[in-house]
Amino acid sequence: MITTTEKKLYKVLRNVGIKRNYIKNARSIDDLYLDDFDYRLLVFYFENEFNVHLRKKDIKMLTTLPAFHHYLGN
């Protein structure tokens, strides 16, 4: 069962233009094929959707989808 947080995270990823099959199969953020601009856009959407502010050191730790999920405390 998908939680509300997961739905929001998938919404953020889709807003950046990441294909659904990439999201499902990603083991790391590299598997999402983001360039620098897309990654910054992902951070922007993430901060807005979840009402958080990511520090540079936090961003570097968010290398997998589970890491994003864990960062939110879920």
C-alpha atoms as a PDB file:
ATOM      1  CA  MET A   1       0.000   0.000   0.000  1.00  0.00           C
ATOM      2  CA  ILE A   2       1.349   3.419  -0.983  1.00  0.00           C
ATOM      3  CA  THR A   3       1.416   6.055   1.756  1.00  0.00           C
ATOM      4  CA  THR A   4       0.567   9.733   1.319  1.00  0.00           C
ATOM      5  CA  THR A   5       4.254  10.567   1.613  1.00  0.00           C
ATOM      6  CA  GLU A   6       5.118   8.135  -1.159  1.00  0.00           C
ATOM      7  CA  LYS A   7       2.403   9.603  -3.374  1.00  0.00           C
ATOM      8  CA  LYS A   8       3.841  13.086  -2.823  1.00  0.00           C
ATOM      9  CA  LEU A   9       7.363  11.860  -3.528  1.00  0.00           C
ATOM     10  CA  TYR A  10       6.246  10.235  -6.781  1.00  0.00           C
ATOM     11  CA  LYS A  11       4.405  13.466  -7.678  1.00  0.00           C
ATOM     12  CA  VAL A  12       7.632  15.420  -7.171  1.00  0.00           C
ATOM     13  CA  LEU A  13       9.585  12.971  -9.314  1.00  0.00           C
ATOM     14  CA  ARG A  14       6.976  13.090 -12.076  1.00  0.00           C
ATOM     15  CA  ASN A  15       7.002  16.932 -11.969  1.00  0.00           C
ATOM     16  CA  VAL A  16      10.701  16.810 -12.782  1.00  0.00           C
ATOM     17  CA  GLY A  17       9.848  14.641 -15.785  1.00  0.00           C
ATOM     18  CA  ILE A  18      11.207  11.328 -14.575  1.00  0.00           C
ATOM     19  CA  LYS A  19       9.629   8.388 -16.350  1.00  0.00           C
ATOM     20  CA  ARG A  20       7.492   6.106 -14.221  1.00  0.00           C
ATOM     21  CA  ASN A  21       9.541   2.976 -14.989  1.00  0.00           C
ATOM     22  CA  TYR A  22      12.754   4.778 -13.924  1.00  0.00           C
ATOM     23  CA  ILE A  23      11.144   5.634 -10.585  1.00  0.00           C
ATOM     24  CA  LYS A  24      10.046   2.050  -9.956  1.00  0.00           C
ATOM     25  CA  ASN A  25      13.430   0.557 -10.834  1.00  0.00           C
ATOM     26  CA  ALA A  26      15.739   3.164  -9.277  1.00  0.00           C
ATOM     27  CA  ARG A  27      18.226   1.927  -6.718  1.00  0.00           C
ATOM     28  CA  SER A  28      19.990   5.257  -6.514  1.00  0.00           C
ATOM     29  CA  ILE A  29      19.401   8.817  -7.604  1.00  0.00           C
ATOM     30  CA  ASP A  30      21.778   8.120 -10.536  1.00  0.00           C
ATOM     31  CA  ASP A  31      19.241   5.634 -11.897  1.00  0.00           C
ATOM     32  CA  LEU A  32      16.839   8.544 -12.443  1.00  0.00           C
ATOM     33  CA  TYR A  33      19.145  10.044 -15.117  1.00  0.00           C
ATOM     34  CA  LEU A  34      19.043  13.582 -13.724  1.00  0.00           C
ATOM     35  CA  ASP A  35      21.328  16.298 -14.992  1.00  0.00           C
ATOM     36  CA  ASP A  36      22.359  19.155 -12.676  1.00  0.00           C
ATOM     37  CA  PHE A  37      19.346  21.272 -13.598  1.00  0.00           C
ATOM     38  CA  ASP A  38      16.901  18.390 -13.051  1.00  0.00           C
ATOM     39  CA  TYR A  39      18.488  17.614  -9.688  1.00  0.00           C
ATOM     40  CA  ARG A  40      18.122  21.236  -8.556  1.00  0.00           C
ATOM     41  CA  LEU A  41      14.530  21.195  -9.802  1.00  0.00           C
ATOM     42  CA  LEU A  42      13.923  17.986  -7.840  1.00  0.00           C
ATOM     43  CA  VAL A  43      15.240  19.658  -4.681  1.00  0.00           C
ATOM     44  CA  PHE A  44      13.032  22.709  -5.336  1.00  0.00           C
ATOM     45  CA  TYR A  45       9.890  20.604  -5.782  1.00  0.00           C
ATOM     46  CA  PHE A  46      10.825  18.414  -2.821  1.00  0.00           C
ATOM     47  CA  GLU A  47      11.236  21.436  -0.546  1.00  0.00           C
ATOM     48  CA  ASN A  48       7.946  22.947  -1.691  1.00  0.00           C
ATOM     49  CA  GLU A  49       5.892  19.766  -1.533  1.00  0.00           C
ATOM     50  CA  PHE A  50       7.127  18.665   1.888  1.00  0.00           C
ATOM     51  CA  ASN A  51       7.655  22.140   3.357  1.00  0.00           C
ATOM     52  CA  VAL A  52      11.279  21.482   4.305  1.00  0.00           C
ATOM     53  CA  HIS A  53      14.592  23.189   3.601  1.00  0.00           C
ATOM     54  CA  LEU A  54      17.415  20.961   2.439  1.00  0.00           C
ATOM     55  CA  ARG A  55      20.930  21.957   3.408  1.00  0.00           C
ATOM     56  CA  LYS A  56      23.758  21.126   1.046  1.00  0.00           C
ATOM     57  CA  LYS A  57      25.027  18.342   3.308  1.00  0.00           C
ATOM     58  CA  ASP A  58      21.505  16.844   3.434  1.00  0.00           C
ATOM     59  CA  ILE A  59      21.207  16.873  -0.334  1.00  0.00           C
ATOM     60  CA  LYS A  60      24.446  14.916  -0.710  1.00  0.00           C
ATOM     61  CA  MET A  61      23.046  12.169   1.552  1.00  0.00           C
ATOM     62  CA  LEU A  62      19.842  11.820  -0.477  1.00  0.00           C
ATOM     63  CA  THR A  63      21.182   9.414  -3.044  1.00  0.00           C
ATOM     64  CA  THR A  64      18.350   6.873  -3.105  1.00  0.00           C
ATOM     65  CA  LEU A  65      14.586   6.975  -3.035  1.00  0.00           C
ATOM     66  CA  PRO A  66      14.507   5.260   0.377  1.00  0.00           C
ATOM     67  CA  ALA A  67      16.925   7.953   1.636  1.00  0.00           C
ATOM     68  CA  PHE A  68      14.450  10.649   0.602  1.00  0.00           C
ATOM     69  CA  HIS A  69      11.721   8.714   2.360  1.00  0.00           C
ATOM     70  CA  HIS A  70      13.858   8.253   5.492  1.00  0.00           C
ATOM     71  CA  TYR A  71      14.800  11.950   5.496  1.00  0.00           C
ATOM     72  CA  LEU A  72      11.130  12.785   5.899  1.00  0.00           C
ATOM     73  CA  GLY A  73      11.009  10.567   8.975  1.00  0.00           C
ATOM     74  CA  ASN A  74       8.775   7.843   7.554  1.00  0.00           C
END
